[in-house]
Amino acid sequence: MEVRIYYEDTDAGGMVYYANYLHYFERGRTEFLRERGLSVRELHDRGFVFPVVRVEVDYRAPAVHDDLIRVETCVLEVRKTSFTVGQQVVRVLDGKLLVDGKVTLACVGPGMKARRLPEELVQVFE
């Protein structure tokens, strides 16, 4: 997924504010699933919710106003009630790796009780 960096994305130093990369990661995961025929909204409506339970992020270089970045997402691990994805932010112009991350999401249902991943999600991840 590609994202253009706007002025509103930057901090006082003119670089993308560090927490905004988590927004880009979220969009990247949603689009990753959408490209594979799954809708986060439809899963939610069926009682499957995926809260983030762990994030690891290495900030390697800054993105700045007007950069075009690409958010890349891949599945690293699938468990019964959780999964972990690797996510990277790369500047499109020169292919430079800007941010490298790993995000773990749990699968929960009503009352935030752990729930097995839906079968169609497991199939997509395989």
C-alpha atoms as a PDB file:
ATOM      1  CA  MET A   1       0.000   0.000   0.000  1.00  0.00           C
ATOM      2  CA  GLU A   2       1.371   3.414  -0.912  1.00  0.00           C
ATOM      3  CA  VAL A   3       0.870   6.593   1.143  1.00  0.00           C
ATOM      4  CA  ARG A   4       1.833  10.186   0.361  1.00  0.00           C
ATOM      5  CA  ILE A   5       3.213  12.107   3.336  1.00  0.00           C
ATOM      6  CA  TYR A   6       1.365  15.352   3.976  1.00  0.00           C
ATOM      7  CA  TYR A   7       2.335  18.266   6.182  1.00  0.00           C
ATOM      8  CA  GLU A   8      -0.180  17.089   8.798  1.00  0.00           C
ATOM      9  CA  ASP A   9       1.789  13.831   9.163  1.00  0.00           C
ATOM     10  CA  THR A  10       4.966  15.592  10.267  1.00  0.00           C
ATOM     11  CA  ASP A  11       6.262  16.879  13.586  1.00  0.00           C
ATOM     12  CA  ALA A  12       8.011  20.121  14.501  1.00  0.00           C
ATOM     13  CA  GLY A  13      11.235  18.743  13.020  1.00  0.00           C
ATOM     14  CA  GLY A  14       9.618  18.211   9.618  1.00  0.00           C
ATOM     15  CA  MET A  15       9.704  14.405   9.833  1.00  0.00           C
ATOM     16  CA  VAL A  16       6.803  11.975  10.090  1.00  0.00           C
ATOM     17  CA  TYR A  17       5.694  11.875  13.717  1.00  0.00           C
ATOM     18  CA  TYR A  18       6.765   8.486  15.075  1.00  0.00           C
ATOM     19  CA  ALA A  19       3.277   7.362  16.180  1.00  0.00           C
ATOM     20  CA  ASN A  20       1.876   7.927  12.680  1.00  0.00           C
ATOM     21  CA  TYR A  21       3.739   4.846  11.490  1.00  0.00           C
ATOM     22  CA  LEU A  22       1.365   2.774  13.623  1.00  0.00           C
ATOM     23  CA  HIS A  23      -1.527   4.267  11.619  1.00  0.00           C
ATOM     24  CA  TYR A  24       0.242   3.290   8.394  1.00  0.00           C
ATOM     25  CA  PHE A  25       0.792  -0.223   9.770  1.00  0.00           C
ATOM     26  CA  GLU A  26      -2.935  -0.494  10.586  1.00  0.00           C
ATOM     27  CA  ARG A  27      -3.928   0.578   7.082  1.00  0.00           C
ATOM     28  CA  GLY A  28      -1.365  -1.791   5.617  1.00  0.00           C
ATOM     29  CA  ARG A  29      -2.809  -4.762   7.522  1.00  0.00           C
ATOM     30  CA  THR A  30      -6.346  -3.850   6.487  1.00  0.00           C
ATOM     31  CA  GLU A  31      -5.372  -3.546   2.823  1.00  0.00           C
ATOM     32  CA  PHE A  32      -3.350  -6.780   3.027  1.00  0.00           C
ATOM     33  CA  LEU A  33      -6.545  -8.599   4.036  1.00  0.00           C
ATOM     34  CA  ARG A  34      -8.728  -6.706   1.552  1.00  0.00           C
ATOM     35  CA  GLU A  35      -6.419  -7.707  -1.326  1.00  0.00           C
ATOM     36  CA  ARG A  36      -6.980 -11.310  -0.274  1.00  0.00           C
ATOM     37  CA  GLY A  37     -10.778 -11.049  -0.194  1.00  0.00           C
ATOM     38  CA  LEU A  38     -11.285 -10.459   3.529  1.00  0.00           C
ATOM     39  CA  SER A  39     -13.015  -7.496   5.120  1.00  0.00           C
ATOM     40  CA  VAL A  40     -12.082  -6.435   8.646  1.00  0.00           C
ATOM     41  CA  ARG A  41     -15.557  -4.913   8.914  1.00  0.00           C
ATOM     42  CA  GLU A  42     -17.287  -8.187   7.979  1.00  0.00           C
ATOM     43  CA  LEU A  43     -15.132 -10.153  10.417  1.00  0.00           C
ATOM     44  CA  HIS A  44     -16.032  -7.630  13.128  1.00  0.00           C
ATOM     45  CA  ASP A  45     -19.726  -7.964  12.315  1.00  0.00           C
ATOM     46  CA  ARG A  46     -19.362 -11.742  12.816  1.00  0.00           C
ATOM     47  CA  GLY A  47     -17.847 -11.217  16.253  1.00  0.00           C
ATOM     48  CA  PHE A  48     -14.123 -11.404  15.447  1.00  0.00           C
ATOM     49  CA  VAL A  49     -12.061  -8.485  16.761  1.00  0.00           C
ATOM     50  CA  PHE A  50      -8.272  -8.216  16.483  1.00  0.00           C
ATOM     51  CA  PRO A  51      -6.688  -5.960  19.107  1.00  0.00           C
ATOM     52  CA  VAL A  52      -2.974  -5.295  18.892  1.00  0.00           C
ATOM     53  CA  VAL A  53      -1.241  -6.925  21.855  1.00  0.00           C
ATOM     54  CA  ARG A  54       2.420  -6.311  20.979  1.00  0.00           C
ATOM     55  CA  VAL A  55       4.374  -3.959  18.725  1.00  0.00           C
ATOM     56  CA  GLU A  56       8.100  -3.821  18.016  1.00  0.00           C
ATOM     57  CA  VAL A  57       9.324  -0.938  15.860  1.00  0.00           C
ATOM     58  CA  ASP A  58      12.772   0.064  14.647  1.00  0.00           C
ATOM     59  CA  TYR A  59      12.928   3.561  13.189  1.00  0.00           C
ATOM     60  CA  ARG A  60      15.826   3.555  10.723  1.00  0.00           C
ATOM     61  CA  ALA A  61      15.383   6.780   8.736  1.00  0.00           C
ATOM     62  CA  PRO A  62      12.736   9.523   8.578  1.00  0.00           C
ATOM     63  CA  ALA A  63      10.081  10.098   5.962  1.00  0.00           C
ATOM     64  CA  VAL A  64       9.426  13.766   5.248  1.00  0.00           C
ATOM     65  CA  HIS A  65       6.711  15.942   3.721  1.00  0.00           C
ATOM     66  CA  ASP A  66       5.768  14.859   0.170  1.00  0.00           C
ATOM     67  CA  ASP A  67       7.590  11.511   0.315  1.00  0.00           C
ATOM     68  CA  LEU A  68       5.719   8.589  -1.199  1.00  0.00           C
ATOM     69  CA  ILE A  69       6.062   5.560   1.044  1.00  0.00           C
ATOM     70  CA  ARG A  70       5.058   1.937   0.640  1.00  0.00           C
ATOM     71  CA  VAL A  71       3.830  -0.177   3.557  1.00  0.00           C
ATOM     72  CA  GLU A  72       4.718  -3.837   3.071  1.00  0.00           C
ATOM     73  CA  THR A  73       3.046  -6.545   5.135  1.00  0.00           C
ATOM     74  CA  CYS A  74       3.806 -10.245   5.496  1.00  0.00           C
ATOM     75  CA  VAL A  75       2.624 -12.967   7.861  1.00  0.00           C
ATOM     76  CA  LEU A  76       5.320 -14.198  10.246  1.00  0.00           C
ATOM     77  CA  GLU A  77       3.453 -16.503  12.620  1.00  0.00           C
ATOM     78  CA  VAL A  78      -0.049 -17.921  13.006  1.00  0.00           C
ATOM     79  CA  ARG A  79      -1.243 -19.416  16.275  1.00  0.00           C
ATOM     80  CA  LYS A  80      -4.679 -20.639  17.354  1.00  0.00           C
ATOM     81  CA  THR A  81      -5.873 -17.301  18.745  1.00  0.00           C
ATOM     82  CA  SER A  82      -3.287 -14.810  17.469  1.00  0.00           C
ATOM     83  CA  PHE A  83      -1.042 -13.925  14.571  1.00  0.00           C
ATOM     84  CA  THR A  84       2.056 -11.835  13.978  1.00  0.00           C
ATOM     85  CA  VAL A  85       2.862  -9.804  10.894  1.00  0.00           C
ATOM     86  CA  GLY A  86       6.049  -8.150   9.778  1.00  0.00           C
ATOM     87  CA  GLN A  87       5.618  -4.646   8.413  1.00  0.00           C
ATOM     88  CA  GLN A  88       8.068  -2.347   6.718  1.00  0.00           C
ATOM     89  CA  VAL A  89       7.836   1.214   5.479  1.00  0.00           C
ATOM     90  CA  VAL A  90       9.966   1.880   2.405  1.00  0.00           C
ATOM     91  CA  ARG A  91      10.476   5.178   0.569  1.00  0.00           C
ATOM     92  CA  VAL A  92       9.336   4.551  -3.018  1.00  0.00           C
ATOM     93  CA  LEU A  93      11.797   6.986  -4.630  1.00  0.00           C
ATOM     94  CA  ASP A  94      14.944   5.163  -3.561  1.00  0.00           C
ATOM     95  CA  GLY A  95      13.732   1.926  -1.935  1.00  0.00           C
ATOM     96  CA  LYS A  96      15.232   2.933   1.411  1.00  0.00           C
ATOM     97  CA  LEU A  97      13.915   1.037   4.440  1.00  0.00           C
ATOM     98  CA  LEU A  98      12.576   3.640   6.873  1.00  0.00           C
ATOM     99  CA  VAL A  99      10.731   1.619   9.499  1.00  0.00           C
ATOM    100  CA  ASP A 100      10.797  -2.084  10.352  1.00  0.00           C
ATOM    101  CA  GLY A 101       8.150  -3.534  12.640  1.00  0.00           C
ATOM    102  CA  LYS A 102       6.476  -6.604  13.994  1.00  0.00           C
ATOM    103  CA  VAL A 103       2.865  -6.531  15.218  1.00  0.00           C
ATOM    104  CA  THR A 104       1.016  -9.266  17.108  1.00  0.00           C
ATOM    105  CA  LEU A 105      -2.786  -9.287  17.154  1.00  0.00           C
ATOM    106  CA  ALA A 106      -5.072 -11.461  19.257  1.00  0.00           C
ATOM    107  CA  CYS A 107      -8.443 -12.732  18.153  1.00  0.00           C
ATOM    108  CA  VAL A 108     -11.231 -12.021  20.623  1.00  0.00           C
ATOM    109  CA  GLY A 109     -14.982 -12.202  20.651  1.00  0.00           C
ATOM    110  CA  PRO A 110     -17.720 -10.740  22.825  1.00  0.00           C
ATOM    111  CA  GLY A 111     -16.465  -9.706  26.245  1.00  0.00           C
ATOM    112  CA  MET A 112     -12.879  -9.658  24.943  1.00  0.00           C
ATOM    113  CA  LYS A 113     -12.653 -13.429  25.413  1.00  0.00           C
ATOM    114  CA  ALA A 114      -9.949 -15.196  23.364  1.00  0.00           C
ATOM    115  CA  ARG A 115     -11.325 -16.855  20.264  1.00  0.00           C
ATOM    116  CA  ARG A 116      -9.871 -19.103  17.565  1.00  0.00           C
ATOM    117  CA  LEU A 117      -8.921 -17.341  14.355  1.00  0.00           C
ATOM    118  CA  PRO A 118     -11.642 -17.701  11.710  1.00  0.00           C
ATOM    119  CA  GLU A 119     -10.854 -20.451   9.217  1.00  0.00           C
ATOM    120  CA  GLU A 120     -10.873 -18.134   6.179  1.00  0.00           C
ATOM    121  CA  LEU A 121      -8.231 -15.989   7.846  1.00  0.00           C
ATOM    122  CA  VAL A 122      -6.053 -19.019   8.580  1.00  0.00           C
ATOM    123  CA  GLN A 123      -6.392 -20.116   4.950  1.00  0.00           C
ATOM    124  CA  VAL A 124      -5.316 -16.688   3.693  1.00  0.00           C
ATOM    125  CA  PHE A 125      -2.311 -16.727   6.006  1.00  0.00           C
ATOM    126  CA  GLU A 126      -1.226 -20.163   4.791  1.00  0.00           C
END
